[in-house]
Amino acid sequence: MAETTVVDARKLNLNMSAIADAAIQEAVRQARREEWKQEHADALAAQDDWQDQHGHPFRAIMAGPFSGAGQS
């Protein structure tokens, strides 16, 4: 970490440990999400293909009486 960053953070009374912890937690969450998406890419692609061929499985529900609510 750059020394000027540390100096500025201290001047602003920022909790660098808490900020670093939160940033690392978010990075881990994103990395796990990407890993999961890669591991399940084939299944997700198959689901997309099925939906392209057959339409959304809940299209009847989605096209119900309030499907256009809030649209002008």
Protein backbone atom coordinates (compact mmCIF):
# COMPACT_ATOMS: atom_id res chain seq x y z
CA MET A 1 0.00 0.00 0.00
CA ALA A 2 1.32 3.44 -0.87
CA GLU A 3 2.57 5.45 2.09
CA THR A 4 0.54 8.49 1.04
CA THR A 5 -2.60 6.37 1.11
CA VAL A 6 -1.87 5.28 4.67
CA VAL A 7 -1.12 8.86 5.75
CA ASP A 8 -4.34 10.14 4.17
CA ALA A 9 -6.39 7.33 5.71
CA ARG A 10 -5.00 8.08 9.16
CA LYS A 11 -5.70 11.81 8.76
CA LEU A 12 -9.30 10.94 7.90
CA ASN A 13 -9.55 8.51 10.84
CA LEU A 14 -10.43 5.64 8.53
CA ASN A 15 -10.36 2.12 9.92
CA MET A 16 -7.99 0.56 7.41
CA SER A 17 -8.36 -2.94 8.85
CA ALA A 18 -12.13 -2.86 8.53
CA ILE A 19 -11.93 -1.42 5.02
CA ALA A 20 -9.38 -4.04 3.96
CA ASP A 21 -11.46 -6.82 5.52
CA ALA A 22 -14.61 -5.69 3.70
CA ALA A 23 -12.74 -5.40 0.40
CA ILE A 24 -11.23 -8.87 0.78
CA GLN A 25 -14.62 -10.36 1.67
CA GLU A 26 -16.14 -8.81 -1.45
CA ALA A 27 -13.26 -10.04 -3.63
CA VAL A 28 -13.71 -13.58 -2.25
CA ARG A 29 -17.47 -13.41 -2.87
CA GLN A 30 -16.95 -12.31 -6.46
CA ALA A 31 -14.25 -14.94 -7.08
CA ARG A 32 -16.48 -17.69 -5.69
CA ARG A 33 -19.37 -16.50 -7.86
CA GLU A 34 -17.20 -16.55 -11.00
CA GLU A 35 -15.84 -19.98 -10.06
CA TRP A 36 -19.39 -21.31 -9.61
CA LYS A 37 -20.46 -19.86 -12.95
CA GLN A 38 -17.51 -21.55 -14.68
CA GLU A 39 -18.19 -24.88 -12.97
CA HIS A 40 -21.85 -24.77 -14.03
CA ALA A 41 -21.44 -23.17 -17.46
CA ASP A 42 -22.64 -26.28 -19.31
CA ALA A 43 -25.83 -26.55 -17.26
CA LEU A 44 -26.53 -22.83 -17.59
CA ALA A 45 -26.04 -23.00 -21.37
CA ALA A 46 -28.36 -26.03 -21.59
CA GLN A 47 -31.00 -24.15 -19.61
CA ASP A 48 -30.68 -21.14 -21.93
CA ASP A 49 -31.01 -23.41 -24.98
CA TRP A 50 -34.11 -25.09 -23.55
CA GLN A 51 -35.70 -21.73 -22.79
CA ASP A 52 -34.90 -20.47 -26.30
CA GLN A 53 -36.68 -23.52 -27.74
CA HIS A 54 -39.64 -23.70 -25.36
CA GLY A 55 -40.02 -20.23 -23.89
CA HIS A 56 -39.90 -19.20 -20.26
CA PRO A 57 -41.44 -21.91 -18.05
CA PHE A 58 -43.48 -19.31 -16.13
CA ARG A 59 -44.57 -17.20 -19.10
CA ALA A 60 -48.26 -17.84 -18.32
CA ILE A 61 -47.83 -16.50 -14.81
CA MET A 62 -45.71 -13.59 -15.99
CA ALA A 63 -48.39 -12.69 -18.55
CA GLY A 64 -51.07 -12.59 -15.85
CA PRO A 65 -53.48 -9.74 -15.16
CA PHE A 66 -50.80 -7.50 -13.65
CA SER A 67 -48.01 -8.21 -16.13
CA GLY A 68 -48.18 -4.67 -17.54
CA ALA A 69 -48.65 -2.91 -14.21
CA GLY A 70 -46.52 0.17 -13.83
CA GLN A 71 -45.79 0.46 -17.53
CA SER A 72 -47.00 3.42 -19.54
